[in-house]
Amino acid sequence: MPNRVLRLPAVLERTGYSRSRLYARISDGLFPRPVSLGPRVAAWPEHEVDAVIAAHIRAVTDTELVQLVADIHRRRPTFGLGAGAGALVDGTPGSPAA
């Protein structure tokens, strides 16, 4: 799976949220925080955005979505370290890497 990041306009397009709604959802723990790519650059890992969208398609509750986002944030420090560390496959936290 390629490691792509999405800048704000791409995230807004994919989710259909306005900028203020996106940041309100981040504040409420319903959407992952962006990662810093530099002093004035932030973006979202594409797989994290896809996981949240997949959760919405599955009609998860806000409580489940908060847990998913917490799992996403918890796995970030080990992302890309191999053997499924921090893997999110099809939006399922802890799924083995395909």
PDB file of N, CA and C in Angstrom:
ATOM      1  N   MET A   1       0.852  -1.165   0.000  1.00  0.00           N
ATOM      2  CA  MET A   1       0.000   0.000   0.000  1.00  0.00           C
ATOM      3  C   MET A   1       0.900   1.231   0.000  1.00  0.00           C
ATOM      4  N   PRO A   2       0.715   2.110  -0.975  1.00  0.00           N
ATOM      5  CA  PRO A   2       1.520   3.325  -1.013  1.00  0.00           C
ATOM      6  C   PRO A   2       1.199   4.223   0.182  1.00  0.00           C
ATOM      7  N   ASN A   3       2.198   4.937   0.641  1.00  0.00           N
ATOM      8  CA  ASN A   3       2.011   5.868   1.748  1.00  0.00           C
ATOM      9  C   ASN A   3       1.819   7.265   1.169  1.00  0.00           C
ATOM     10  N   ARG A   4       0.560   7.651   0.989  1.00  0.00           N
ATOM     11  CA  ARG A   4       0.254   8.968   0.453  1.00  0.00           C
ATOM     12  C   ARG A   4      -0.332   9.821   1.555  1.00  0.00           C
ATOM     13  N   VAL A   5      -0.130  11.122   1.421  1.00  0.00           N
ATOM     14  CA  VAL A   5      -0.761  12.063   2.334  1.00  0.00           C
ATOM     15  C   VAL A   5      -1.647  12.995   1.526  1.00  0.00           C
ATOM     16  N   LEU A   6      -2.708  13.448   2.173  1.00  0.00           N
ATOM     17  CA  LEU A   6      -3.676  14.328   1.529  1.00  0.00           C
ATOM     18  C   LEU A   6      -3.642  15.685   2.203  1.00  0.00           C
ATOM     19  N   ARG A   7      -3.536  16.720   1.406  1.00  0.00           N
ATOM     20  CA  ARG A   7      -3.605  18.082   1.940  1.00  0.00           C
ATOM     21  C   ARG A   7      -5.073  18.436   2.146  1.00  0.00           C
ATOM     22  N   LEU A   8      -5.318  19.545   2.817  1.00  0.00           N
ATOM     23  CA  LEU A   8      -6.660  19.954   3.214  1.00  0.00           C
ATOM     24  C   LEU A   8      -7.675  19.944   2.070  1.00  0.00           C
ATOM     25  N   PRO A   9      -7.380  20.542   0.900  1.00  0.00           N
ATOM     26  CA  PRO A   9      -8.401  20.535  -0.160  1.00  0.00           C
ATOM     27  C   PRO A   9      -8.837  19.118  -0.573  1.00  0.00           C
ATOM     28  N   ALA A  10      -7.897  18.186  -0.598  1.00  0.00           N
ATOM     29  CA  ALA A  10      -8.233  16.805  -0.970  1.00  0.00           C
ATOM     30  C   ALA A  10      -9.087  16.141   0.102  1.00  0.00           C
ATOM     31  N   VAL A  11      -8.789  16.410   1.366  1.00  0.00           N
ATOM     32  CA  VAL A  11      -9.588  15.835   2.457  1.00  0.00           C
ATOM     33  C   VAL A  11     -11.006  16.393   2.411  1.00  0.00           C
ATOM     34  N   LEU A  12     -11.125  17.697   2.199  1.00  0.00           N
ATOM     35  CA  LEU A  12     -12.454  18.310   2.116  1.00  0.00           C
ATOM     36  C   LEU A  12     -13.245  17.731   0.945  1.00  0.00           C
ATOM     37  N   GLU A  13     -12.582  17.512  -0.170  1.00  0.00           N
ATOM     38  CA  GLU A  13     -13.257  16.938  -1.337  1.00  0.00           C
ATOM     39  C   GLU A  13     -13.709  15.508  -1.066  1.00  0.00           C
ATOM     40  N   ARG A  14     -12.850  14.719  -0.456  1.00  0.00           N
ATOM     41  CA  ARG A  14     -13.194  13.312  -0.182  1.00  0.00           C
ATOM     42  C   ARG A  14     -14.315  13.164   0.836  1.00  0.00           C
ATOM     43  N   THR A  15     -14.315  14.027   1.841  1.00  0.00           N
ATOM     44  CA  THR A  15     -15.298  13.882   2.913  1.00  0.00           C
ATOM     45  C   THR A  15     -16.582  14.657   2.659  1.00  0.00           C
ATOM     46  N   GLY A  16     -16.491  15.719   1.881  1.00  0.00           N
ATOM     47  CA  GLY A  16     -17.650  16.577   1.665  1.00  0.00           C
ATOM     48  C   GLY A  16     -17.860  17.571   2.794  1.00  0.00           C
ATOM     49  N   TYR A  17     -16.937  17.616   3.753  1.00  0.00           N
ATOM     50  CA  TYR A  17     -17.027  18.545   4.874  1.00  0.00           C
ATOM     51  C   TYR A  17     -16.553  19.931   4.459  1.00  0.00           C
ATOM     52  N   SER A  18     -17.053  20.933   5.167  1.00  0.00           N
ATOM     53  CA  SER A  18     -16.465  22.269   5.058  1.00  0.00           C
ATOM     54  C   SER A  18     -15.233  22.277   5.957  1.00  0.00           C
ATOM     55  N   ARG A  19     -14.403  23.284   5.787  1.00  0.00           N
ATOM     56  CA  ARG A  19     -13.202  23.395   6.619  1.00  0.00           C
ATOM     57  C   ARG A  19     -13.573  23.471   8.113  1.00  0.00           C
ATOM     58  N   SER A  20     -14.570  24.284   8.440  1.00  0.00           N
ATOM     59  CA  SER A  20     -14.940  24.432   9.850  1.00  0.00           C
ATOM     60  C   SER A  20     -15.521  23.135  10.408  1.00  0.00           C
ATOM     61  N   ARG A  21     -16.297  22.421   9.605  1.00  0.00           N
ATOM     62  CA  ARG A  21     -16.864  21.143  10.073  1.00  0.00           C
ATOM     63  C   ARG A  21     -15.758  20.115  10.289  1.00  0.00           C
ATOM     64  N   LEU A  22     -14.788  20.066   9.386  1.00  0.00           N
ATOM     65  CA  LEU A  22     -13.678  19.125   9.540  1.00  0.00           C
ATOM     66  C   LEU A  22     -12.946  19.376  10.856  1.00  0.00           C
ATOM     67  N   TYR A  23     -12.604  20.635  11.108  1.00  0.00           N
ATOM     68  CA  TYR A  23     -11.863  20.936  12.335  1.00  0.00           C
ATOM     69  C   TYR A  23     -12.718  20.748  13.586  1.00  0.00           C
ATOM     70  N   ALA A  24     -14.024  20.943  13.488  1.00  0.00           N
ATOM     71  CA  ALA A  24     -14.907  20.651  14.620  1.00  0.00           C
ATOM     72  C   ALA A  24     -14.908  19.152  14.905  1.00  0.00           C
ATOM     73  N   ARG A  25     -14.925  18.334  13.852  1.00  0.00           N
ATOM     74  CA  ARG A  25     -14.905  16.881  14.029  1.00  0.00           C
ATOM     75  C   ARG A  25     -13.570  16.432  14.628  1.00  0.00           C
ATOM     76  N   ILE A  26     -12.484  17.069  14.218  1.00  0.00           N
ATOM     77  CA  ILE A  26     -11.175  16.761  14.808  1.00  0.00           C
ATOM     78  C   ILE A  26     -11.209  17.092  16.299  1.00  0.00           C
ATOM     79  N   SER A  27     -11.735  18.254  16.631  1.00  0.00           N
ATOM     80  CA  SER A  27     -11.824  18.688  18.023  1.00  0.00           C
ATOM     81  C   SER A  27     -12.679  17.736  18.864  1.00  0.00           C
ATOM     82  N   ASP A  28     -13.715  17.165  18.256  1.00  0.00           N
ATOM     83  CA  ASP A  28     -14.604  16.226  18.949  1.00  0.00           C
ATOM     84  C   ASP A  28     -14.067  14.794  18.962  1.00  0.00           C
ATOM     85  N   GLY A  29     -12.905  14.557  18.334  1.00  0.00           N
ATOM     86  CA  GLY A  29     -12.323  13.219  18.291  1.00  0.00           C
ATOM     87  C   GLY A  29     -12.952  12.316  17.250  1.00  0.00           C
ATOM     88  N   LEU A  30     -13.661  12.909  16.283  1.00  0.00           N
ATOM     89  CA  LEU A  30     -14.367  12.135  15.260  1.00  0.00           C
ATOM     90  C   LEU A  30     -13.622  12.075  13.929  1.00  0.00           C
ATOM     91  N   PHE A  31     -12.452  12.697  13.870  1.00  0.00           N
ATOM     92  CA  PHE A  31     -11.630  12.662  12.654  1.00  0.00           C
ATOM     93  C   PHE A  31     -10.181  12.804  13.100  1.00  0.00           C
ATOM     94  N   PRO A  32      -9.263  12.101  12.440  1.00  0.00           N
ATOM     95  CA  PRO A  32      -7.855  12.163  12.856  1.00  0.00           C
ATOM     96  C   PRO A  32      -7.265  13.568  12.701  1.00  0.00           C
ATOM     97  N   ARG A  33      -6.342  13.905  13.595  1.00  0.00           N
ATOM     98  CA  ARG A  33      -5.585  15.141  13.471  1.00  0.00           C
ATOM     99  C   ARG A  33      -4.625  15.021  12.286  1.00  0.00           C
ATOM    100  N   PRO A  34      -4.307  16.135  11.648  1.00  0.00           N
ATOM    101  CA  PRO A  34      -3.304  16.068  10.576  1.00  0.00           C
ATOM    102  C   PRO A  34      -1.921  15.832  11.171  1.00  0.00           C
ATOM    103  N   VAL A  35      -1.011  15.379  10.329  1.00  0.00           N
ATOM    104  CA  VAL A  35       0.381  15.224  10.745  1.00  0.00           C
ATOM    105  C   VAL A  35       1.174  16.395  10.169  1.00  0.00           C
ATOM    106  N   SER A  36       2.158  16.834  10.899  1.00  0.00           N
ATOM    107  CA  SER A  36       3.002  17.932  10.450  1.00  0.00           C
ATOM    108  C   SER A  36       4.048  17.403   9.479  1.00  0.00           C
ATOM    109  N   LEU A  37       4.160  18.079   8.338  1.00  0.00           N
ATOM    110  CA  LEU A  37       5.188  17.717   7.361  1.00  0.00           C
ATOM    111  C   LEU A  37       6.283  18.778   7.315  1.00  0.00           C
ATOM    112  N   GLY A  38       6.113  19.813   8.097  1.00  0.00           N
ATOM    113  CA  GLY A  38       7.071  20.914   8.137  1.00  0.00           C
ATOM    114  C   GLY A  38       6.477  22.044   8.957  1.00  0.00           C
ATOM    115  N   PRO A  39       7.190  23.157   9.051  1.00  0.00           N
ATOM    116  CA  PRO A  39       6.723  24.256   9.888  1.00  0.00           C
ATOM    117  C   PRO A  39       5.352  24.806   9.491  1.00  0.00           C
ATOM    118  N   ARG A  40       5.024  24.787   8.218  1.00  0.00           N
ATOM    119  CA  ARG A  40       3.744  25.343   7.768  1.00  0.00           C
ATOM    120  C   ARG A  40       2.986  24.382   6.861  1.00  0.00           C
ATOM    121  N   VAL A  41       3.282  23.108   7.005  1.00  0.00           N
ATOM    122  CA  VAL A  41       2.664  22.112   6.131  1.00  0.00           C
ATOM    123  C   VAL A  41       2.105  20.961   6.970  1.00  0.00           C
ATOM    124  N   ALA A  42       0.830  20.661   6.769  1.00  0.00           N
ATOM    125  CA  ALA A  42       0.201  19.527   7.448  1.00  0.00           C
ATOM    126  C   ALA A  42      -0.636  18.765   6.431  1.00  0.00           C
ATOM    127  N   ALA A  43      -0.814  17.486   6.692  1.00  0.00           N
ATOM    128  CA  ALA A  43      -1.599  16.638   5.794  1.00  0.00           C
ATOM    129  C   ALA A  43      -2.094  15.434   6.581  1.00  0.00           C
ATOM    130  N   TRP A  44      -3.002  14.702   5.977  1.00  0.00           N
ATOM    131  CA  TRP A  44      -3.570  13.509   6.588  1.00  0.00           C
ATOM    132  C   TRP A  44      -3.094  12.295   5.809  1.00  0.00           C
ATOM    133  N   PRO A  45      -2.643  11.244   6.506  1.00  0.00           N
ATOM    134  CA  PRO A  45      -2.336   9.995   5.806  1.00  0.00           C
ATOM    135  C   PRO A  45      -3.606   9.479   5.111  1.00  0.00           C
ATOM    136  N   GLU A  46      -3.470   9.141   3.844  1.00  0.00           N
ATOM    137  CA  GLU A  46      -4.619   8.726   3.048  1.00  0.00           C
ATOM    138  C   GLU A  46      -5.340   7.532   3.658  1.00  0.00           C
ATOM    139  N   HIS A  47      -4.590   6.574   4.183  1.00  0.00           N
ATOM    140  CA  HIS A  47      -5.235   5.380   4.744  1.00  0.00           C
ATOM    141  C   HIS A  47      -6.093   5.722   5.962  1.00  0.00           C
ATOM    142  N   GLU A  48      -5.729   6.782   6.703  1.00  0.00           N
ATOM    143  CA  GLU A  48      -6.534   7.181   7.856  1.00  0.00           C
ATOM    144  C   GLU A  48      -7.850   7.817   7.410  1.00  0.00           C
ATOM    145  N   VAL A  49      -7.786   8.655   6.396  1.00  0.00           N
ATOM    146  CA  VAL A  49      -9.008   9.265   5.847  1.00  0.00           C
ATOM    147  C   VAL A  49      -9.914   8.164   5.295  1.00  0.00           C
ATOM    148  N   ASP A  50      -9.320   7.216   4.572  1.00  0.00           N
ATOM    149  CA  ASP A  50     -10.097   6.106   4.012  1.00  0.00           C
ATOM    150  C   ASP A  50     -10.747   5.270   5.122  1.00  0.00           C
ATOM    151  N   ALA A  51     -10.048   5.075   6.238  1.00  0.00           N
ATOM    152  CA  ALA A  51     -10.601   4.294   7.348  1.00  0.00           C
ATOM    153  C   ALA A  51     -11.831   4.978   7.938  1.00  0.00           C
ATOM    154  N   VAL A  52     -11.775   6.299   8.073  1.00  0.00           N
ATOM    155  CA  VAL A  52     -12.918   7.034   8.619  1.00  0.00           C
ATOM    156  C   VAL A  52     -14.088   7.000   7.641  1.00  0.00           C
ATOM    157  N   ILE A  53     -13.809   7.167   6.361  1.00  0.00           N
ATOM    158  CA  ILE A  53     -14.876   7.097   5.356  1.00  0.00           C
ATOM    159  C   ILE A  53     -15.512   5.713   5.365  1.00  0.00           C
ATOM    160  N   ALA A  54     -14.692   4.661   5.451  1.00  0.00           N
ATOM    161  CA  ALA A  54     -15.217   3.290   5.505  1.00  0.00           C
ATOM    162  C   ALA A  54     -16.088   3.091   6.740  1.00  0.00           C
ATOM    163  N   ALA A  55     -15.702   3.697   7.850  1.00  0.00           N
ATOM    164  CA  ALA A  55     -16.501   3.592   9.079  1.00  0.00           C
ATOM    165  C   ALA A  55     -17.858   4.257   8.887  1.00  0.00           C
ATOM    166  N   HIS A  56     -17.882   5.379   8.201  1.00  0.00           N
ATOM    167  CA  HIS A  56     -19.158   6.043   7.918  1.00  0.00           C
ATOM    168  C   HIS A  56     -20.040   5.179   7.023  1.00  0.00           C
ATOM    169  N   ILE A  57     -19.451   4.517   6.051  1.00  0.00           N
ATOM    170  CA  ILE A  57     -20.213   3.635   5.159  1.00  0.00           C
ATOM    171  C   ILE A  57     -20.824   2.491   5.962  1.00  0.00           C
ATOM    172  N   ARG A  58     -20.074   2.009   6.982  1.00  0.00           N
ATOM    173  CA  ARG A  58     -20.582   0.933   7.845  1.00  0.00           C
ATOM    174  C   ARG A  58     -21.565   1.453   8.880  1.00  0.00           C
ATOM    175  N   ALA A  59     -21.793   2.766   8.897  1.00  0.00           N
ATOM    176  CA  ALA A  59     -22.746   3.405   9.819  1.00  0.00           C
ATOM    177  C   ALA A  59     -22.381   3.166  11.276  1.00  0.00           C
ATOM    178  N   VAL A  60     -21.102   3.350  11.602  1.00  0.00           N
ATOM    179  CA  VAL A  60     -20.694   3.202  12.996  1.00  0.00           C
ATOM    180  C   VAL A  60     -21.234   4.364  13.819  1.00  0.00           C
ATOM    181  N   THR A  61     -21.340   4.155  15.098  1.00  0.00           N
ATOM    182  CA  THR A  61     -21.797   5.203  16.010  1.00  0.00           C
ATOM    183  C   THR A  61     -20.653   6.187  16.258  1.00  0.00           C
ATOM    184  N   ASP A  62     -20.983   7.348  16.804  1.00  0.00           N
ATOM    185  CA  ASP A  62     -19.941   8.315  17.147  1.00  0.00           C
ATOM    186  C   ASP A  62     -18.974   7.738  18.171  1.00  0.00           C
ATOM    187  N   THR A  63     -19.484   6.937  19.088  1.00  0.00           N
ATOM    188  CA  THR A  63     -18.623   6.302  20.089  1.00  0.00           C
ATOM    189  C   THR A  63     -17.602   5.382  19.418  1.00  0.00           C
ATOM    190  N   GLU A  64     -18.058   4.597  18.451  1.00  0.00           N
ATOM    191  CA  GLU A  64     -17.146   3.710  17.715  1.00  0.00           C
ATOM    192  C   GLU A  64     -16.153   4.514  16.886  1.00  0.00           C
ATOM    193  N   LEU A  65     -16.612   5.624  16.330  1.00  0.00           N
ATOM    194  CA  LEU A  65     -15.739   6.471  15.528  1.00  0.00           C
ATOM    195  C   LEU A  65     -14.657   7.117  16.403  1.00  0.00           C
ATOM    196  N   VAL A  66     -15.021   7.551  17.594  1.00  0.00           N
ATOM    197  CA  VAL A  66     -14.037   8.100  18.526  1.00  0.00           C
ATOM    198  C   VAL A  66     -12.987   7.044  18.846  1.00  0.00           C
ATOM    199  N   GLN A  67     -13.416   5.798  19.044  1.00  0.00           N
ATOM    200  CA  GLN A  67     -12.468   4.707  19.320  1.00  0.00           C
ATOM    201  C   GLN A  67     -11.557   4.455  18.126  1.00  0.00           C
ATOM    202  N   LEU A  68     -12.112   4.472  16.914  1.00  0.00           N
ATOM    203  CA  LEU A  68     -11.307   4.283  15.709  1.00  0.00           C
ATOM    204  C   LEU A  68     -10.251   5.373  15.609  1.00  0.00           C
ATOM    205  N   VAL A  69     -10.647   6.618  15.805  1.00  0.00           N
ATOM    206  CA  VAL A  69      -9.697   7.735  15.707  1.00  0.00           C
ATOM    207  C   VAL A  69      -8.631   7.618  16.800  1.00  0.00           C
ATOM    208  N   ALA A  70      -9.022   7.231  17.994  1.00  0.00           N
ATOM    209  CA  ALA A  70      -8.041   7.027  19.068  1.00  0.00           C
ATOM    210  C   ALA A  70      -7.056   5.930  18.689  1.00  0.00           C
ATOM    211  N   ASP A  71      -7.542   4.848  18.084  1.00  0.00           N
ATOM    212  CA  ASP A  71      -6.660   3.762  17.627  1.00  0.00           C
ATOM    213  C   ASP A  71      -5.714   4.251  16.535  1.00  0.00           C
ATOM    214  N   ILE A  72      -6.229   5.064  15.620  1.00  0.00           N
ATOM    215  CA  ILE A  72      -5.386   5.635  14.560  1.00  0.00           C
ATOM    216  C   ILE A  72      -4.251   6.439  15.185  1.00  0.00           C
ATOM    217  N   HIS A  73      -4.581   7.309  16.125  1.00  0.00           N
ATOM    218  CA  HIS A  73      -3.552   8.135  16.762  1.00  0.00           C
ATOM    219  C   HIS A  73      -2.562   7.286  17.557  1.00  0.00           C
ATOM    220  N   ARG A  74      -3.066   6.250  18.214  1.00  0.00           N
ATOM    221  CA  ARG A  74      -2.194   5.380  19.007  1.00  0.00           C
ATOM    222  C   ARG A  74      -1.206   4.622  18.122  1.00  0.00           C
ATOM    223  N   ARG A  75      -1.603   4.282  16.901  1.00  0.00           N
ATOM    224  CA  ARG A  75      -0.748   3.488  16.011  1.00  0.00           C
ATOM    225  C   ARG A  75       0.240   4.329  15.194  1.00  0.00           C
ATOM    226  N   ARG A  76       0.060   5.625  15.171  1.00  0.00           N
ATOM    227  CA  ARG A  76       0.936   6.464  14.346  1.00  0.00           C
ATOM    228  C   ARG A  76       2.426   6.302  14.641  1.00  0.00           C
ATOM    229  N   PRO A  77       2.846   6.241  15.892  1.00  0.00           N
ATOM    230  CA  PRO A  77       4.294   6.156  16.149  1.00  0.00           C
ATOM    231  C   PRO A  77       4.953   4.907  15.568  1.00  0.00           C
ATOM    232  N   THR A  78       4.188   3.853  15.307  1.00  0.00           N
ATOM    233  CA  THR A  78       4.774   2.622  14.780  1.00  0.00           C
ATOM    234  C   THR A  78       4.429   2.387  13.310  1.00  0.00           C
ATOM    235  N   PHE A  79       3.760   3.351  12.669  1.00  0.00           N
ATOM    236  CA  PHE A  79       3.371   3.166  11.270  1.00  0.00           C
ATOM    237  C   PHE A  79       4.602   2.949  10.400  1.00  0.00           C
ATOM    238  N   GLY A  80       4.519   1.944   9.531  1.00  0.00           N
ATOM    239  CA  GLY A  80       5.589   1.676   8.583  1.00  0.00           C
ATOM    240  C   GLY A  80       6.751   0.884   9.138  1.00  0.00           C
ATOM    241  N   LEU A  81       6.633   0.371  10.356  1.00  0.00           N
ATOM    242  CA  LEU A  81       7.729  -0.382  10.944  1.00  0.00           C
ATOM    243  C   LEU A  81       7.658  -1.873  10.648  1.00  0.00           C
ATOM    244  N   GLY A  82       6.710  -2.277   9.811  1.00  0.00           N
ATOM    245  CA  GLY A  82       6.639  -3.658   9.371  1.00  0.00           C
ATOM    246  C   GLY A  82       5.820  -4.554  10.260  1.00  0.00           C
ATOM    247  N   ALA A  83       5.568  -5.754   9.785  1.00  0.00           N
ATOM    248  CA  ALA A  83       4.854  -6.816  10.491  1.00  0.00           C
ATOM    249  C   ALA A  83       3.517  -6.347  11.049  1.00  0.00           C
ATOM    250  N   GLY A  84       2.821  -5.504  10.289  1.00  0.00           N
ATOM    251  CA  GLY A  84       1.488  -5.090  10.685  1.00  0.00           C
ATOM    252  C   GLY A  84       1.451  -4.032  11.773  1.00  0.00           C
ATOM    253  N   ALA A  85       2.610  -3.507  12.153  1.00  0.00           N
ATOM    254  CA  ALA A  85       2.638  -2.475  13.199  1.00  0.00           C
ATOM    255  C   ALA A  85       1.850  -1.265  12.730  1.00  0.00           C
ATOM    256  N   GLY A  86       0.796  -0.963  13.436  1.00  0.00           N
ATOM    257  CA  GLY A  86       0.002   0.209  13.107  1.00  0.00           C
ATOM    258  C   GLY A  86      -0.857   0.059  11.871  1.00  0.00           C
ATOM    259  N   ALA A  87      -1.055  -1.173  11.411  1.00  0.00           N
ATOM    260  CA  ALA A  87      -1.787  -1.381  10.161  1.00  0.00           C
ATOM    261  C   ALA A  87      -3.263  -1.061  10.295  1.00  0.00           C
ATOM    262  N   LEU A  88      -3.799  -0.455   9.265  1.00  0.00           N
ATOM    263  CA  LEU A  88      -5.233  -0.252   9.127  1.00  0.00           C
ATOM    264  C   LEU A  88      -5.584  -0.767   7.733  1.00  0.00           C
ATOM    265  N   VAL A  89      -6.203  -1.896   7.691  1.00  0.00           N
ATOM    266  CA  VAL A  89      -6.587  -2.467   6.414  1.00  0.00           C
ATOM    267  C   VAL A  89      -8.105  -2.433   6.343  1.00  0.00           C
ATOM    268  N   ASP A  90      -8.639  -1.823   5.311  1.00  0.00           N
ATOM    269  CA  ASP A  90     -10.076  -1.681   5.150  1.00  0.00           C
ATOM    270  C   ASP A  90     -10.726  -1.017   6.371  1.00  0.00           C
ATOM    271  N   GLY A  91      -9.972  -0.126   7.030  1.00  0.00           N
ATOM    272  CA  GLY A  91     -10.542   0.619   8.142  1.00  0.00           C
ATOM    273  C   GLY A  91     -10.649  -0.147   9.448  1.00  0.00           C
ATOM    274  N   THR A  92     -10.049  -1.336   9.509  1.00  0.00           N
ATOM    275  CA  THR A  92     -10.141  -2.126  10.726  1.00  0.00           C
ATOM    276  C   THR A  92      -8.834  -2.014  11.486  1.00  0.00           C
ATOM    277  N   PRO A  93      -8.839  -1.383  12.667  1.00  0.00           N
ATOM    278  CA  PRO A  93      -7.596  -1.256  13.439  1.00  0.00           C
ATOM    279  C   PRO A  93      -7.026  -2.620  13.777  1.00  0.00           C
ATOM    280  N   GLY A  94      -5.694  -2.722  13.648  1.00  0.00           N
ATOM    281  CA  GLY A  94      -5.024  -3.941  14.028  1.00  0.00           C
ATOM    282  C   GLY A  94      -5.120  -5.072  13.029  1.00  0.00           C
ATOM    283  N   SER A  95      -5.706  -4.801  11.864  1.00  0.00           N
ATOM    284  CA  SER A  95      -5.804  -5.841  10.850  1.00  0.00           C
ATOM    285  C   SER A  95      -4.402  -6.198  10.359  1.00  0.00           C
ATOM    286  N   PRO A  96      -4.193  -7.455  10.036  1.00  0.00           N
ATOM    287  CA  PRO A  96      -2.891  -7.823   9.482  1.00  0.00           C
ATOM    288  C   PRO A  96      -2.704  -7.184   8.115  1.00  0.00           C
ATOM    289  N   ALA A  97      -1.508  -6.784   7.840  1.00  0.00           N
ATOM    290  CA  ALA A  97      -1.221  -6.181   6.534  1.00  0.00           C
ATOM    291  C   ALA A  97      -1.420  -7.222   5.447  1.00  0.00           C
ATOM    292  N   ALA A  98      -2.028  -6.799   4.355  1.00  0.00           N
ATOM    293  CA  ALA A  98      -2.312  -7.741   3.261  1.00  0.00           C
ATOM    294  C   ALA A  98      -1.074  -7.981   2.432  1.00  0.00           C
TER     295      ALA A  98
END
